[in-house]
Amino acid sequence: MRLVGEGIEPGVYPIRKALELAEEQELDLVEISPNAAPPVCKILDYKKFLFEQKKKQKELKSKATKIVVKEIRFGPNTDDHDFEFKLKHAQQFLEQGAKVRAFVFFRGRSIVYKDQGEILLLKFANELEELAKVEMLPKMEGKKMFIILAPKKSSKSK
């Protein structure tokens, strides 16, 4: 096995010799890369190694951005006033940096108005063109037709 670590000459050692070197330093022999030929091991304090790995993972997790998806619901025959009201809400969501998932819910026989629902969603996306980019065009899923809008990078996020 290939051995690396502090105070050790890097090189290829037999397993017994590597274990003896680790015991002399009162440290652990840890396999770093098992798929390499020969496998790579390192002499180090294993508990300290685990602690540092957890610390790195926690730091990466805290830096990850959380994507919020807000939903806006329409009916196939939504009135202009309701449309404008929901449009203002969508603008606020996009300015805050959230994605918007707008959908038209078809109840009962209103499913025959699929074309009206699609027109409504495309009009919605067109109105929000300067704030958002369309991530997914209108798509029918069960009794819902939905569209997903993501905020443009140039918009301010609060």
Foldseek 3Di string as FASTA:
>chain_A
DFEDEPPDDTDDDDPVVVCVVLVVVVFDWAFDAVPDVNTYIYTHHVVVVVVVVVVVVVVVVVPDDDAAEAEAEDELPRDPVVLVVSLVVCLVCLLQFHKYKYKYFYDDPSLVSVVSRLVSQVVSCVVCVVFWDWPAHFDDDPRMTITMTGGDPPRHHD
